[in-house]
Amino acid sequence: MTRSNIAKAACVLVVLGVAGSPAIAAVSSLRNLAGTWSGGGMLSLANGEQQPLRCRASYDVAGRGDAVSLNLRCASDSYNFDLTGNVEDRNGMISGQWSEATRNASGTIEGRVAGDHIEAAARGQNFSANLSLTTRGNRQTVSIHPAGTDVRDVSLTLARR
């Protein structure tokens, strides 16, 4: 698996992290993300190999809680990445952009929020993935399923610090 494919899968984490929060009303749907989060999980490859990930995220919530900017850093023993993103929630519909500058990867994300759960699709020039995220209190669980890469799936658990 190339570092580029791993980085593209990681880009999805940025966007997913931005979008993941309880969203009952658009005014406060992203407000619960504010602050610093950390944790880890597993990146599973198509060949059966698994790599543990360690991640830290910083979320800056703006406006009435309907917009957020973030920085996500994740690393395993074989690579690391530093991603940024911006996402907005408009009445339960999320949309935004992500980028990973060191590997020249970028794209968009769109999806829906239902209570504490989000389902979304991330797209880039050479990358796509379906995303699922649930946030309960100070804990987030993330599942990412890329298409057309060596990455089969990514699962993470993050906690607010």
Protein backbone atom coordinates (compact mmCIF):
# COMPACT_ATOMS: atom_id res chain seq x y z
CA MET A 1 0.00 0.00 0.00
CA THR A 2 1.36 3.39 -0.92
CA ARG A 3 1.61 6.30 1.46
CA SER A 4 -0.56 8.25 -0.97
CA ASN A 5 -3.47 5.81 -0.59
CA ILE A 6 -3.10 5.82 3.19
CA ALA A 7 -3.03 9.63 3.16
CA LYS A 8 -6.19 9.74 1.07
CA ALA A 9 -7.95 7.47 3.54
CA ALA A 10 -6.70 9.71 6.32
CA CYS A 11 -8.12 12.78 4.60
CA VAL A 12 -11.53 11.28 5.11
CA LEU A 13 -10.87 11.25 8.84
CA VAL A 14 -10.55 15.01 8.86
CA VAL A 15 -13.84 15.57 7.17
CA LEU A 16 -15.56 12.90 9.20
CA GLY A 17 -14.28 14.32 12.43
CA VAL A 18 -15.60 17.73 11.48
CA ALA A 19 -19.01 16.40 10.68
CA GLY A 20 -19.42 14.10 13.64
CA SER A 21 -21.58 15.51 16.37
CA PRO A 22 -25.08 15.21 17.68
CA ALA A 23 -27.29 17.25 15.40
CA ILE A 24 -30.80 17.79 16.57
CA ALA A 25 -30.93 21.44 15.55
CA ALA A 26 -28.74 23.11 12.95
CA VAL A 27 -27.88 25.93 15.34
CA SER A 28 -25.93 23.65 17.67
CA SER A 29 -25.08 20.58 15.57
CA LEU A 30 -21.32 21.16 15.53
CA ARG A 31 -20.99 22.95 18.86
CA ASN A 32 -20.24 19.72 20.76
CA LEU A 33 -17.02 19.24 18.79
CA ALA A 34 -15.22 22.28 20.19
CA GLY A 35 -11.87 21.52 21.75
CA THR A 36 -9.21 18.85 21.52
CA TRP A 37 -9.78 15.13 20.96
CA SER A 38 -7.40 12.18 20.89
CA GLY A 39 -7.48 8.43 20.48
CA GLY A 40 -6.74 5.77 17.97
CA GLY A 41 -7.89 2.76 16.11
CA MET A 42 -7.02 0.45 13.27
CA LEU A 43 -6.40 0.79 9.55
CA SER A 44 -7.19 -2.50 7.75
CA LEU A 45 -5.65 -3.23 4.37
CA ALA A 46 -7.05 -5.40 1.56
CA ASN A 47 -4.17 -7.88 2.05
CA GLY A 48 -5.29 -8.48 5.65
CA GLU A 49 -2.59 -6.38 7.30
CA GLN A 50 -3.68 -4.06 10.10
CA GLN A 51 -1.89 -0.94 11.32
CA PRO A 52 -2.69 0.81 14.59
CA LEU A 53 -3.32 4.57 14.37
CA ARG A 54 -2.85 7.32 16.97
CA CYS A 55 -4.73 10.57 16.35
CA ARG A 56 -5.24 14.07 17.74
CA ALA A 57 -7.83 16.56 16.53
CA SER A 58 -8.45 20.23 17.25
CA TYR A 59 -11.89 21.70 16.41
CA ASP A 60 -12.69 25.42 16.22
CA VAL A 61 -16.46 25.92 16.11
CA ALA A 62 -17.71 29.17 14.58
CA GLY A 63 -20.93 31.07 13.98
CA ARG A 64 -23.96 29.70 15.80
CA GLY A 65 -22.31 26.29 16.02
CA ASP A 66 -23.06 25.43 12.41
CA ALA A 67 -19.48 25.68 11.07
CA VAL A 68 -16.19 24.18 12.18
CA SER A 69 -12.54 24.25 11.12
CA LEU A 70 -10.22 21.48 12.17
CA ASN A 71 -6.76 20.04 12.12
CA LEU A 72 -6.26 16.29 12.44
CA ARG A 73 -2.92 14.56 12.92
CA CYS A 74 -2.65 10.78 12.79
CA ALA A 75 0.32 8.44 12.76
CA SER A 76 1.23 4.79 12.66
CA ASP A 77 4.68 3.22 12.73
CA SER A 78 5.05 3.67 8.96
CA TYR A 79 3.57 7.13 8.16
CA ASN A 80 1.95 10.31 9.45
CA PHE A 81 -0.26 13.05 8.04
CA ASP A 82 -1.56 16.51 8.93
CA LEU A 83 -4.99 17.36 7.56
CA THR A 84 -7.26 20.39 7.61
CA GLY A 85 -10.93 20.82 6.81
CA ASN A 86 -14.00 23.02 6.98
CA VAL A 87 -17.60 21.76 7.25
CA GLU A 88 -21.00 23.40 7.61
CA ASP A 89 -24.30 21.97 8.82
CA ARG A 90 -27.41 23.34 7.15
CA ASN A 91 -30.59 21.87 8.62
CA GLY A 92 -29.15 18.37 8.96
CA MET A 93 -27.26 18.37 5.66
CA ILE A 94 -23.47 18.64 5.95
CA SER A 95 -21.04 19.78 3.30
CA GLY A 96 -17.45 20.89 3.24
CA GLN A 97 -13.90 20.46 2.01
CA TRP A 98 -10.74 18.72 3.19
CA SER A 99 -7.08 18.85 2.14
CA GLU A 100 -3.79 17.16 2.90
CA ALA A 101 -1.08 19.49 1.60
CA THR A 102 1.97 17.24 1.82
CA ARG A 103 0.42 14.71 -0.58
CA ASN A 104 -1.57 17.21 -2.64
CA ALA A 105 -4.89 15.49 -1.84
CA SER A 106 -8.18 17.32 -1.45
CA GLY A 107 -11.89 16.93 -1.95
CA THR A 108 -15.43 17.48 -0.73
CA ILE A 109 -17.83 15.79 1.67
CA GLU A 110 -21.62 15.64 1.77
CA GLY A 111 -24.01 13.80 4.02
CA ARG A 112 -26.82 13.75 6.55
CA VAL A 113 -27.06 14.01 10.31
CA ALA A 114 -29.70 12.09 12.29
CA GLY A 115 -29.49 12.60 16.04
CA ASP A 116 -26.02 11.53 17.21
CA HIS A 117 -25.21 9.71 13.96
CA ILE A 118 -23.84 10.89 10.63
CA GLU A 119 -23.59 9.16 7.26
CA ALA A 120 -21.53 10.86 4.56
CA ALA A 121 -19.59 10.40 1.35
CA ALA A 122 -16.15 11.95 0.80
CA ARG A 123 -14.89 12.54 -2.73
CA GLY A 124 -11.60 13.69 -4.20
CA GLN A 125 -9.93 13.58 -7.60
CA ASN A 126 -8.60 10.04 -7.03
CA PHE A 127 -10.42 9.00 -3.86
CA SER A 128 -13.88 8.20 -2.50
CA ALA A 129 -15.16 6.72 0.75
CA ASN A 130 -18.37 6.17 2.70
CA LEU A 131 -18.28 7.36 6.30
CA SER A 132 -20.22 6.63 9.44
CA LEU A 133 -19.76 8.44 12.76
CA THR A 134 -21.49 8.41 16.10
CA THR A 135 -20.81 10.92 18.89
CA ARG A 136 -22.07 10.31 22.40
CA GLY A 137 -20.91 12.74 25.06
CA ASN A 138 -17.12 12.90 25.00
CA ARG A 139 -16.67 9.85 22.76
CA GLN A 140 -16.69 9.47 18.97
CA THR A 141 -16.62 6.26 16.96
CA VAL A 142 -15.69 6.49 13.31
CA SER A 143 -15.92 3.95 10.49
CA ILE A 144 -14.54 4.65 6.99
CA HIS A 145 -14.90 2.39 3.94
CA PRO A 146 -12.79 3.63 0.98
CA ALA A 147 -13.33 2.45 -2.59
CA GLY A 148 -10.60 1.70 -5.10
CA THR A 149 -7.65 1.72 -2.67
CA ASP A 150 -5.62 -0.80 -0.72
CA VAL A 151 -7.37 0.39 2.43
CA ARG A 152 -10.36 -1.82 3.27
CA ASP A 153 -11.56 0.17 6.27
CA VAL A 154 -10.55 2.47 9.10
CA SER A 155 -12.07 2.38 12.58
CA LEU A 156 -11.34 4.96 15.27
CA THR A 157 -12.41 5.88 18.77
CA LEU A 158 -11.69 9.45 19.90
CA ALA A 159 -12.23 11.03 23.32
CA ARG A 160 -12.35 14.70 24.30
CA ARG A 161 -9.30 15.70 26.34
